[in-house]
Every structure is written in C-alpha cells, then in structure tokens.
Amino acid sequence: TEPQAVATYGAENVRIYKSKFTNLFYGIFDVAPEDKPKTYMKLVCVGQDEKVVGIHMIGMGSDEALQGFGVALKMGATKADLDSCVAIHPTAAEELVTMGTWGTSPQATGAAVSPLNGAASGEPHIPSKM
C-alpha cells in the first residue's frame, strides 16, 4: 500500500499514479455519466527507477487484470516497463500502461532482458543433452 511504501522507503522516494474513469462497458447505458460505476486504479512506485511496489484496482475487470499485473510486479517491473506495453483497447487494463504523462518515466527496467528501447527479448534457456 502507499502508507507501507512511505514507511519503508520514505515519502520523498515514493511516486503515486492514480486514475478514475468510467469503464467503456457502461458507455452505452442510458444513465447520467456521474451515475455510471467508476473504476479506480493506483500505481505505487519507488526510487529513481520507479520500481512498481503496489498496484491497486477496483471496478469491473479488476480481478482479471490484477492477475497479470501481479506477475509483472513480482518480476520487478518499473513504471517504464508498463509504459513500454501496447495498451489493448478497449479494456480497463490499458489504463495501467498509460498512467501519468506517457514516456516521461526514467527508462529503467526490472526485466532481466528489457524490451525498452527496442531490445530483443531473451532466448529461452534449454539444457544441453550432453
């Protein structure tokens, strides 16, 4: 959580990205925009490389999206890693890879082989048969 990140790393080292929007699913509903259910998202990032240490979502589709983003978090993803992903439209999950001013995060990665700046993805490790 944000309070845990601040307690662990210090407020000066924590950067928060937030978003609140109406999921596109509700776009065609004949209801006033302010009455449509909202989706809330929050990224908790730490340090100069903006390592992602927390991802919070509530709203339609959050359960499915968090499963995949949880893997990225456990693998050490940074905000730049999320920024480098193609946003799949129309989904709520696209918001997590377009938060803040796109492309302004330090170009640092938590990946062993980074796709940032056009690097090729790593090859799988296949044990030798000898």
C-alpha atoms as a PDB file:
ATOM      1  CA  THR A   1       0.000   0.000   0.000  1.00  0.00           C
ATOM      2  CA  GLU A   2       1.027   3.626  -0.265  1.00  0.00           C
ATOM      3  CA  PRO A   3       1.410   4.002   3.528  1.00  0.00           C
ATOM      4  CA  GLN A   4       3.615   0.883   3.641  1.00  0.00           C
ATOM      5  CA  ALA A   5       5.788   2.210   0.806  1.00  0.00           C
ATOM      6  CA  VAL A   6       6.177   5.578   2.541  1.00  0.00           C
ATOM      7  CA  ALA A   7       7.054   3.863   5.845  1.00  0.00           C
ATOM      8  CA  THR A   8       9.590   1.591   4.159  1.00  0.00           C
ATOM      9  CA  TYR A   9      11.208   3.899   1.588  1.00  0.00           C
ATOM     10  CA  GLY A  10      10.361   7.449   2.758  1.00  0.00           C
ATOM     11  CA  ALA A  11       7.790   9.800   1.236  1.00  0.00           C
ATOM     12  CA  GLU A  12      10.424  11.536  -0.893  1.00  0.00           C
ATOM     13  CA  ASN A  13      11.121   8.239  -2.711  1.00  0.00           C
ATOM     14  CA  VAL A  14       7.512   7.278  -3.457  1.00  0.00           C
ATOM     15  CA  ARG A  15       5.589   8.394  -6.550  1.00  0.00           C
ATOM     16  CA  ILE A  16       1.876   7.678  -6.934  1.00  0.00           C
ATOM     17  CA  TYR A  17      -0.088   7.474 -10.178  1.00  0.00           C
ATOM     18  CA  LYS A  18      -3.903   7.469  -9.936  1.00  0.00           C
ATOM     19  CA  SER A  19      -6.798   7.178 -12.331  1.00  0.00           C
ATOM     20  CA  LYS A  20     -10.587   7.232 -12.053  1.00  0.00           C
ATOM     21  CA  PHE A  21     -12.755   6.591 -15.094  1.00  0.00           C
ATOM     22  CA  THR A  22     -15.957   5.020 -16.357  1.00  0.00           C
ATOM     23  CA  ASN A  23     -15.335   1.616 -17.889  1.00  0.00           C
ATOM     24  CA  LEU A  24     -16.280   1.581 -21.589  1.00  0.00           C
ATOM     25  CA  PHE A  25     -18.707  -1.265 -20.870  1.00  0.00           C
ATOM     26  CA  TYR A  26     -21.045   1.341 -19.376  1.00  0.00           C
ATOM     27  CA  GLY A  27     -20.728   3.759 -22.322  1.00  0.00           C
ATOM     28  CA  ILE A  28     -23.983   2.747 -23.995  1.00  0.00           C
ATOM     29  CA  PHE A  29     -26.051   2.688 -20.784  1.00  0.00           C
ATOM     30  CA  ASP A  30     -28.743   5.370 -20.703  1.00  0.00           C
ATOM     31  CA  VAL A  31     -27.554   6.761 -17.377  1.00  0.00           C
ATOM     32  CA  ALA A  32     -26.026  10.104 -16.494  1.00  0.00           C
ATOM     33  CA  PRO A  33     -22.197   9.886 -16.623  1.00  0.00           C
ATOM     34  CA  GLU A  34     -21.863  10.716 -12.933  1.00  0.00           C
ATOM     35  CA  ASP A  35     -24.139   7.765 -12.069  1.00  0.00           C
ATOM     36  CA  LYS A  36     -22.178   5.158 -14.035  1.00  0.00           C
ATOM     37  CA  PRO A  37     -19.934   2.848 -11.985  1.00  0.00           C
ATOM     38  CA  LYS A  38     -16.317   4.005 -11.863  1.00  0.00           C
ATOM     39  CA  THR A  39     -13.038   2.136 -11.996  1.00  0.00           C
ATOM     40  CA  TYR A  40     -10.199   3.320  -9.747  1.00  0.00           C
ATOM     41  CA  MET A  41      -6.519   2.474 -10.272  1.00  0.00           C
ATOM     42  CA  LYS A  42      -3.355   3.333  -8.433  1.00  0.00           C
ATOM     43  CA  LEU A  43       0.317   2.536  -9.032  1.00  0.00           C
ATOM     44  CA  VAL A  44       2.783   2.859  -6.170  1.00  0.00           C
ATOM     45  CA  CYS A  45       6.323   3.380  -7.492  1.00  0.00           C
ATOM     46  CA  VAL A  46       9.593   3.759  -5.594  1.00  0.00           C
ATOM     47  CA  GLY A  47      13.038   5.161  -6.321  1.00  0.00           C
ATOM     48  CA  GLN A  48      14.644   6.858  -9.287  1.00  0.00           C
ATOM     49  CA  ASP A  49      13.852   3.844 -11.470  1.00  0.00           C
ATOM     50  CA  GLU A  50      10.199   3.954 -10.325  1.00  0.00           C
ATOM     51  CA  LYS A  51      10.025   0.277  -9.416  1.00  0.00           C
ATOM     52  CA  VAL A  52       6.380  -0.744  -9.058  1.00  0.00           C
ATOM     53  CA  VAL A  53       5.758  -1.928  -5.486  1.00  0.00           C
ATOM     54  CA  GLY A  54       1.959  -1.683  -5.455  1.00  0.00           C
ATOM     55  CA  ILE A  55      -0.925  -1.972  -7.887  1.00  0.00           C
ATOM     56  CA  HIS A  56      -4.466  -1.250  -6.709  1.00  0.00           C
ATOM     57  CA  MET A  57      -7.646  -1.584  -8.748  1.00  0.00           C
ATOM     58  CA  ILE A  58     -11.335  -1.622  -8.015  1.00  0.00           C
ATOM     59  CA  GLY A  59     -14.024  -1.840 -10.651  1.00  0.00           C
ATOM     60  CA  MET A  60     -15.183  -4.032 -13.485  1.00  0.00           C
ATOM     61  CA  GLY A  61     -12.483  -6.432 -14.722  1.00  0.00           C
ATOM     62  CA  SER A  62     -10.057  -5.697 -11.903  1.00  0.00           C
ATOM     63  CA  ASP A  63      -9.786  -9.336 -10.894  1.00  0.00           C
ATOM     64  CA  GLU A  64      -8.642 -10.441 -14.341  1.00  0.00           C
ATOM     65  CA  ALA A  65      -6.257  -7.522 -14.860  1.00  0.00           C
ATOM     66  CA  LEU A  66      -4.590  -7.818 -11.474  1.00  0.00           C
ATOM     67  CA  GLN A  67      -3.667 -11.448 -12.104  1.00  0.00           C
ATOM     68  CA  GLY A  68      -1.354 -10.491 -14.954  1.00  0.00           C
ATOM     69  CA  PHE A  69      -0.044  -7.290 -13.438  1.00  0.00           C
ATOM     70  CA  GLY A  70       0.723  -9.194 -10.235  1.00  0.00           C
ATOM     71  CA  VAL A  71       3.184 -11.312 -12.196  1.00  0.00           C
ATOM     72  CA  ALA A  72       4.858  -8.169 -13.558  1.00  0.00           C
ATOM     73  CA  LEU A  73       5.091  -6.711 -10.049  1.00  0.00           C
ATOM     74  CA  LYS A  74       6.688  -9.885  -8.668  1.00  0.00           C
ATOM     75  CA  MET A  75       9.198  -9.851 -11.539  1.00  0.00           C
ATOM     76  CA  GLY A  76      10.375  -6.350 -10.602  1.00  0.00           C
ATOM     77  CA  ALA A  77       8.574  -4.227 -13.210  1.00  0.00           C
ATOM     78  CA  THR A  78       9.188  -0.493 -13.338  1.00  0.00           C
ATOM     79  CA  LYS A  79       6.827   2.248 -14.497  1.00  0.00           C
ATOM     80  CA  ALA A  80       8.836   2.380 -17.752  1.00  0.00           C
ATOM     81  CA  ASP A  81       8.203  -1.356 -18.263  1.00  0.00           C
ATOM     82  CA  LEU A  82       4.473  -0.693 -18.019  1.00  0.00           C
ATOM     83  CA  ASP A  83       4.772   2.357 -20.304  1.00  0.00           C
ATOM     84  CA  SER A  84       6.504   0.195 -22.931  1.00  0.00           C
ATOM     85  CA  CYS A  85       3.477  -2.117 -23.246  1.00  0.00           C
ATOM     86  CA  VAL A  86       0.936  -1.695 -26.002  1.00  0.00           C
ATOM     87  CA  ALA A  87      -2.404  -0.661 -24.498  1.00  0.00           C
ATOM     88  CA  ILE A  88      -5.115  -3.095 -25.541  1.00  0.00           C
ATOM     89  CA  HIS A  89      -8.194  -1.039 -26.381  1.00  0.00           C
ATOM     90  CA  PRO A  90     -10.924  -1.104 -25.240  1.00  0.00           C
ATOM     91  CA  THR A  91     -10.048  -2.596 -21.876  1.00  0.00           C
ATOM     92  CA  ALA A  92      -9.801  -1.185 -18.379  1.00  0.00           C
ATOM     93  CA  ALA A  93      -6.307  -2.714 -18.046  1.00  0.00           C
ATOM     94  CA  GLU A  94      -4.971  -0.351 -20.721  1.00  0.00           C
ATOM     95  CA  GLU A  95      -5.147   2.417 -18.126  1.00  0.00           C
ATOM     96  CA  LEU A  96      -2.298   0.857 -16.117  1.00  0.00           C
ATOM     97  CA  VAL A  97       0.087   1.112 -19.073  1.00  0.00           C
ATOM     98  CA  THR A  98      -0.872   4.701 -19.932  1.00  0.00           C
ATOM     99  CA  MET A  99      -0.916   6.371 -16.484  1.00  0.00           C
ATOM    100  CA  GLY A 100       0.694   9.732 -15.973  1.00  0.00           C
ATOM    101  CA  THR A 101       2.474  11.549 -18.774  1.00  0.00           C
ATOM    102  CA  TRP A 102       3.378   8.686 -21.054  1.00  0.00           C
ATOM    103  CA  GLY A 103       7.076   8.117 -21.667  1.00  0.00           C
ATOM    104  CA  THR A 104       8.351  10.519 -19.010  1.00  0.00           C
ATOM    105  CA  SER A 105       9.350   7.805 -16.530  1.00  0.00           C
ATOM    106  CA  PRO A 106      13.071   7.098 -16.263  1.00  0.00           C
ATOM    107  CA  GLN A 107      13.890   4.432 -18.848  1.00  0.00           C
ATOM    108  CA  ALA A 108      14.845   1.826 -16.260  1.00  0.00           C
ATOM    109  CA  THR A 109      13.625  -1.742 -16.199  1.00  0.00           C
ATOM    110  CA  GLY A 110      13.319  -4.584 -13.767  1.00  0.00           C
ATOM    111  CA  ALA A 111      13.491  -7.146 -16.578  1.00  0.00           C
ATOM    112  CA  ALA A 112      16.499  -9.438 -16.988  1.00  0.00           C
ATOM    113  CA  VAL A 113      16.307  -8.714 -20.728  1.00  0.00           C
ATOM    114  CA  SER A 114      14.453  -5.490 -21.352  1.00  0.00           C
ATOM    115  CA  PRO A 115      12.190  -4.689 -24.295  1.00  0.00           C
ATOM    116  CA  LEU A 116      12.815  -0.987 -23.628  1.00  0.00           C
ATOM    117  CA  ASN A 117      14.388   0.951 -26.475  1.00  0.00           C
ATOM    118  CA  GLY A 118      13.853  -1.890 -28.947  1.00  0.00           C
ATOM    119  CA  ALA A 119      15.991  -4.597 -27.315  1.00  0.00           C
ATOM    120  CA  ALA A 120      15.217  -8.118 -28.452  1.00  0.00           C
ATOM    121  CA  SER A 121      13.618 -10.416 -25.927  1.00  0.00           C
ATOM    122  CA  GLY A 122      15.829 -13.036 -24.332  1.00  0.00           C
ATOM    123  CA  GLU A 123      16.107 -16.558 -25.632  1.00  0.00           C
ATOM    124  CA  PRO A 124      14.786 -19.432 -23.521  1.00  0.00           C
ATOM    125  CA  HIS A 125      17.362 -21.469 -21.609  1.00  0.00           C
ATOM    126  CA  ILE A 126      17.355 -25.036 -22.919  1.00  0.00           C
ATOM    127  CA  PRO A 127      19.512 -27.551 -21.075  1.00  0.00           C
ATOM    128  CA  SER A 128      22.166 -29.335 -23.069  1.00  0.00           C
ATOM    129  CA  LYS A 129      21.517 -33.027 -23.785  1.00  0.00           C
ATOM    130  CA  MET A 130      25.143 -33.913 -23.142  1.00  0.00           C
END
